[in-house]
């Protein structure tokens, strides 16, 4: 029983708290297992959902279906069951050869 209490006490030093809600975008976080960090040292990037943007390519025959202000849901390959609310900010008037 005393060992369990000690391990529960130790756990408080293992819990990581973030200043914002979001998704971890750093790949291969597991490589940091066992690494000692200094207080406040960053080890991962967090994407805040309201600050994200996506460049979505629409087939030319369907581009007339998309309009600025239109709302929808974005599903990612790594989590296809969870939709993220999006809003179209702009639509390029024609295909662009140079990414912005």
N, C-alpha and C. Protein backbone atom coordinates (compact mmCIF):
# COMPACT_ATOMS: atom_id res chain seq x y z
N UNK A 1 0.82 -1.19 0.00
CA UNK A 1 0.00 0.00 0.00
C UNK A 1 0.87 1.26 0.00
N UNK A 2 1.93 1.26 0.78
CA UNK A 2 2.82 2.42 0.84
C UNK A 2 3.51 2.64 -0.50
N UNK A 3 3.85 1.56 -1.19
CA UNK A 3 4.50 1.69 -2.49
C UNK A 3 3.55 2.32 -3.50
N UNK A 4 2.28 1.93 -3.47
CA UNK A 4 1.28 2.51 -4.36
C UNK A 4 1.13 4.01 -4.10
N UNK A 5 1.08 4.40 -2.84
CA UNK A 5 0.97 5.82 -2.49
C UNK A 5 2.20 6.58 -3.00
N UNK A 6 3.36 5.97 -2.85
CA UNK A 6 4.59 6.62 -3.32
C UNK A 6 4.56 6.80 -4.85
N UNK A 7 4.13 5.77 -5.56
CA UNK A 7 4.05 5.87 -7.02
C UNK A 7 3.02 6.90 -7.46
N UNK A 8 1.90 6.99 -6.77
CA UNK A 8 0.90 8.01 -7.08
C UNK A 8 1.47 9.41 -6.82
N UNK A 9 2.25 9.55 -5.75
CA UNK A 9 2.89 10.84 -5.45
C UNK A 9 3.89 11.20 -6.55
N UNK A 10 4.65 10.23 -7.01
CA UNK A 10 5.64 10.46 -8.07
C UNK A 10 4.99 10.85 -9.39
N UNK A 11 3.79 10.35 -9.62
CA UNK A 11 3.12 10.59 -10.89
C UNK A 11 2.90 12.08 -11.16
N UNK A 12 2.74 12.88 -10.12
CA UNK A 12 2.52 14.30 -10.31
C UNK A 12 3.67 14.95 -11.08
N UNK A 13 4.83 14.36 -11.02
CA UNK A 13 5.99 14.91 -11.73
C UNK A 13 6.05 14.43 -13.17
N UNK A 14 5.24 13.45 -13.51
CA UNK A 14 5.21 12.91 -14.87
C UNK A 14 4.10 13.52 -15.72
N UNK A 15 3.06 14.03 -15.08
CA UNK A 15 1.95 14.63 -15.83
C UNK A 15 2.43 15.90 -16.50
N UNK A 16 2.11 16.03 -17.77
CA UNK A 16 2.50 17.20 -18.54
C UNK A 16 1.25 18.02 -18.82
N UNK A 17 1.31 19.28 -18.49
CA UNK A 17 0.17 20.16 -18.72
C UNK A 17 0.56 21.18 -19.78
N UNK A 18 -0.39 21.51 -20.64
CA UNK A 18 -0.15 22.44 -21.72
C UNK A 18 -0.93 23.73 -21.48
N UNK A 19 -0.41 24.86 -21.93
CA UNK A 19 -1.11 26.13 -21.72
C UNK A 19 -2.31 26.32 -22.65
N UNK A 20 -2.44 25.50 -23.69
CA UNK A 20 -3.55 25.64 -24.64
C UNK A 20 -4.10 24.26 -24.98
N UNK A 21 -5.34 24.25 -25.46
CA UNK A 21 -5.92 23.01 -25.97
C UNK A 21 -5.53 22.87 -27.43
N UNK A 22 -5.30 21.67 -27.87
CA UNK A 22 -4.95 21.47 -29.27
C UNK A 22 -4.43 20.08 -29.52
N UNK A 23 -3.90 19.89 -30.69
CA UNK A 23 -3.36 18.60 -31.08
C UNK A 23 -1.85 18.66 -31.21
N UNK A 24 -1.18 17.62 -30.75
CA UNK A 24 0.28 17.57 -30.85
C UNK A 24 0.65 17.29 -32.30
N UNK A 25 1.49 18.14 -32.87
CA UNK A 25 1.88 17.99 -34.27
C UNK A 25 3.28 17.43 -34.43
N UNK A 26 4.01 17.29 -33.35
CA UNK A 26 5.37 16.76 -33.41
C UNK A 26 5.32 15.26 -33.64
N UNK A 27 6.01 14.82 -34.67
CA UNK A 27 6.05 13.39 -34.95
C UNK A 27 7.10 12.71 -34.07
N UNK A 28 6.90 11.48 -33.78
CA UNK A 28 7.86 10.64 -33.06
C UNK A 28 8.21 11.21 -31.68
N UNK A 29 7.19 11.58 -30.91
CA UNK A 29 7.41 12.09 -29.56
C UNK A 29 8.05 11.03 -28.68
N UNK A 30 7.85 9.78 -29.02
CA UNK A 30 8.38 8.70 -28.20
C UNK A 30 9.91 8.69 -28.12
N UNK A 31 10.59 9.40 -29.00
CA UNK A 31 12.06 9.43 -28.93
C UNK A 31 12.54 10.20 -27.69
N UNK A 32 11.64 10.95 -27.05
CA UNK A 32 12.01 11.71 -25.86
C UNK A 32 11.86 10.92 -24.57
N UNK A 33 11.45 9.67 -24.65
CA UNK A 33 11.29 8.86 -23.45
C UNK A 33 12.64 8.77 -22.73
N UNK A 34 12.63 9.10 -21.45
CA UNK A 34 13.84 9.03 -20.64
C UNK A 34 14.70 10.28 -20.69
N UNK A 35 14.40 11.23 -21.57
CA UNK A 35 15.20 12.45 -21.67
C UNK A 35 14.85 13.39 -20.52
N UNK A 36 15.84 14.01 -19.94
CA UNK A 36 15.62 15.01 -18.89
C UNK A 36 15.47 16.37 -19.53
N UNK A 37 14.42 17.07 -19.16
CA UNK A 37 14.15 18.41 -19.68
C UNK A 37 14.33 19.43 -18.57
N UNK A 38 14.73 20.62 -18.96
CA UNK A 38 14.77 21.74 -18.02
C UNK A 38 13.36 22.30 -17.92
N UNK A 39 13.04 22.93 -16.80
CA UNK A 39 11.71 23.53 -16.63
C UNK A 39 11.46 24.54 -17.73
N UNK A 40 10.32 24.41 -18.39
CA UNK A 40 9.95 25.34 -19.45
C UNK A 40 10.53 25.03 -20.81
N UNK A 41 11.34 24.00 -20.92
CA UNK A 41 11.95 23.64 -22.20
C UNK A 41 10.91 22.98 -23.10
N UNK A 42 10.69 23.52 -24.30
CA UNK A 42 9.69 22.92 -25.20
C UNK A 42 10.21 21.60 -25.79
N UNK A 43 9.29 20.68 -26.01
CA UNK A 43 9.67 19.42 -26.65
C UNK A 43 8.68 19.01 -27.72
N UNK A 44 7.61 19.77 -27.87
CA UNK A 44 6.58 19.41 -28.83
C UNK A 44 5.87 20.67 -29.30
N UNK A 45 5.27 20.58 -30.48
CA UNK A 45 4.47 21.68 -30.99
C UNK A 45 3.00 21.29 -30.88
N UNK A 46 2.18 22.26 -30.51
CA UNK A 46 0.75 22.04 -30.36
C UNK A 46 0.03 22.96 -31.33
N UNK A 47 -0.84 22.40 -32.12
CA UNK A 47 -1.62 23.19 -33.07
C UNK A 47 -2.94 23.56 -32.42
N UNK A 48 -3.20 24.85 -32.31
CA UNK A 48 -4.45 25.34 -31.73
C UNK A 48 -5.50 25.30 -32.84
N UNK A 49 -6.60 24.55 -32.67
CA UNK A 49 -7.57 24.36 -33.75
C UNK A 49 -8.06 25.64 -34.42
N UNK A 50 -8.32 26.69 -33.67
CA UNK A 50 -8.86 27.92 -34.27
C UNK A 50 -7.80 28.70 -35.05
N UNK A 51 -6.54 28.30 -34.94
CA UNK A 51 -5.47 29.00 -35.64
C UNK A 51 -4.92 28.20 -36.83
N UNK A 52 -5.54 27.08 -37.14
CA UNK A 52 -5.07 26.25 -38.23
C UNK A 52 -5.68 26.68 -39.56
N UNK A 53 -4.97 26.41 -40.63
CA UNK A 53 -5.52 26.61 -41.96
C UNK A 53 -5.07 25.45 -42.83
N UNK A 54 -5.82 25.21 -43.85
CA UNK A 54 -5.51 24.10 -44.76
C UNK A 54 -5.67 24.58 -46.19
N UNK A 55 -4.79 24.14 -47.03
CA UNK A 55 -4.89 24.41 -48.46
C UNK A 55 -5.47 23.14 -49.08
N UNK A 56 -6.67 23.26 -49.63
CA UNK A 56 -7.38 22.10 -50.14
C UNK A 56 -7.53 22.24 -51.65
N UNK A 57 -7.08 21.24 -52.34
CA UNK A 57 -7.19 21.24 -53.80
C UNK A 57 -8.53 20.63 -54.20
N UNK A 58 -9.27 21.36 -55.03
CA UNK A 58 -10.59 20.91 -55.48
C UNK A 58 -10.49 20.61 -56.97
N UNK A 59 -11.00 19.46 -57.41
CA UNK A 59 -10.99 19.17 -58.84
C UNK A 59 -11.69 20.28 -59.62
N UNK A 60 -11.15 20.61 -60.77
CA UNK A 60 -11.65 21.74 -61.56
C UNK A 60 -13.15 21.63 -61.83
N UNK A 61 -13.65 20.43 -62.07
CA UNK A 61 -15.07 20.28 -62.38
C UNK A 61 -15.97 20.51 -61.16
N UNK A 62 -15.38 20.57 -59.95
CA UNK A 62 -16.18 20.78 -58.73
C UNK A 62 -15.91 22.14 -58.08
N UNK A 63 -15.04 22.94 -58.66
CA UNK A 63 -14.66 24.21 -58.03
C UNK A 63 -15.84 25.17 -57.91
N UNK A 64 -16.84 25.06 -58.76
CA UNK A 64 -18.00 25.95 -58.68
C UNK A 64 -18.87 25.63 -57.46
N UNK A 65 -18.64 24.50 -56.81
CA UNK A 65 -19.41 24.12 -55.62
C UNK A 65 -18.88 24.82 -54.36
N UNK A 66 -17.67 25.38 -54.45
CA UNK A 66 -17.00 25.94 -53.27
C UNK A 66 -17.06 27.47 -53.33
N UNK A 67 -17.48 28.09 -52.22
CA UNK A 67 -17.63 29.54 -52.17
C UNK A 67 -17.07 30.07 -50.85
N UNK A 68 -16.49 31.28 -50.82
CA UNK A 68 -16.03 31.88 -49.56
C UNK A 68 -17.18 31.97 -48.55
N UNK A 69 -16.90 31.68 -47.30
CA UNK A 69 -17.90 31.69 -46.25
C UNK A 69 -18.59 30.36 -46.04
N UNK A 70 -18.41 29.44 -46.98
CA UNK A 70 -19.03 28.12 -46.88
C UNK A 70 -18.41 27.36 -45.70
N UNK A 71 -19.24 26.68 -44.94
CA UNK A 71 -18.76 25.90 -43.80
C UNK A 71 -18.80 24.42 -44.14
N UNK A 72 -17.95 23.67 -43.48
CA UNK A 72 -17.91 22.23 -43.71
C UNK A 72 -17.11 21.54 -42.63
N UNK A 73 -16.80 20.30 -42.85
CA UNK A 73 -15.99 19.51 -41.92
C UNK A 73 -14.80 18.94 -42.67
N UNK A 74 -13.65 18.95 -41.99
CA UNK A 74 -12.42 18.41 -42.55
C UNK A 74 -12.07 17.14 -41.78
N UNK A 75 -11.85 16.05 -42.50
CA UNK A 75 -11.47 14.78 -41.88
C UNK A 75 -10.04 14.47 -42.30
N UNK A 76 -9.20 14.16 -41.32
CA UNK A 76 -7.79 13.87 -41.60
C UNK A 76 -7.58 12.37 -41.74
N UNK A 77 -6.57 12.01 -42.51
CA UNK A 77 -6.26 10.60 -42.73
C UNK A 77 -5.92 9.87 -41.44
N UNK A 78 -5.25 10.57 -40.51
CA UNK A 78 -4.81 9.88 -39.28
C UNK A 78 -5.94 9.73 -38.26
N UNK A 79 -7.09 10.42 -38.47
CA UNK A 79 -8.25 10.29 -37.58
C UNK A 79 -9.52 10.50 -38.39
N UNK A 80 -9.86 9.55 -39.26
CA UNK A 80 -10.96 9.75 -40.20
C UNK A 80 -12.35 9.81 -39.57
N UNK A 81 -12.49 9.49 -38.31
CA UNK A 81 -13.81 9.54 -37.67
C UNK A 81 -14.11 10.88 -37.01
N UNK A 82 -13.09 11.73 -36.86
CA UNK A 82 -13.27 13.02 -36.20
C UNK A 82 -13.25 14.14 -37.22
N UNK A 83 -14.34 14.87 -37.31
CA UNK A 83 -14.41 16.00 -38.22
C UNK A 83 -14.04 17.30 -37.51
N UNK A 84 -13.38 18.18 -38.22
CA UNK A 84 -13.00 19.49 -37.70
C UNK A 84 -13.74 20.55 -38.50
N UNK A 85 -14.45 21.42 -37.81
CA UNK A 85 -15.23 22.46 -38.49
C UNK A 85 -14.29 23.41 -39.23
N UNK A 86 -14.61 23.71 -40.48
CA UNK A 86 -13.81 24.64 -41.27
C UNK A 86 -14.74 25.64 -41.96
N UNK A 87 -14.13 26.74 -42.39
CA UNK A 87 -14.84 27.74 -43.17
C UNK A 87 -13.93 28.17 -44.31
N UNK A 88 -14.47 28.22 -45.52
CA UNK A 88 -13.70 28.61 -46.69
C UNK A 88 -13.47 30.13 -46.61
N UNK A 89 -12.20 30.53 -46.64
CA UNK A 89 -11.86 31.95 -46.58
C UNK A 89 -11.72 32.54 -47.98
N UNK A 90 -11.11 31.77 -48.88
CA UNK A 90 -10.96 32.25 -50.25
C UNK A 90 -10.86 31.09 -51.21
N UNK A 91 -11.20 31.36 -52.44
CA UNK A 91 -11.11 30.37 -53.50
C UNK A 91 -10.28 31.00 -54.61
N UNK A 92 -9.22 30.33 -55.03
CA UNK A 92 -8.39 30.85 -56.11
C UNK A 92 -9.22 30.86 -57.39
N UNK A 93 -9.14 31.93 -58.17
CA UNK A 93 -9.95 32.01 -59.40
C UNK A 93 -9.56 30.99 -60.46
N UNK A 94 -8.33 30.51 -60.39
CA UNK A 94 -7.89 29.47 -61.33
C UNK A 94 -6.76 28.70 -60.67
N UNK A 95 -6.39 27.61 -61.26
CA UNK A 95 -5.31 26.79 -60.71
C UNK A 95 -4.03 27.61 -60.59
N UNK A 96 -3.34 27.46 -59.50
CA UNK A 96 -2.11 28.20 -59.27
C UNK A 96 -0.91 27.27 -59.39
N UNK A 97 0.07 27.69 -60.14
CA UNK A 97 1.28 26.88 -60.31
C UNK A 97 2.23 27.07 -59.15
N UNK A 98 2.18 28.22 -58.49
CA UNK A 98 3.09 28.52 -57.39
C UNK A 98 2.31 28.48 -56.08
N UNK A 99 2.70 27.62 -55.15
CA UNK A 99 1.99 27.59 -53.87
C UNK A 99 2.25 28.87 -53.08
N UNK A 100 1.23 29.31 -52.31
CA UNK A 100 1.38 30.52 -51.50
C UNK A 100 1.55 30.15 -50.06
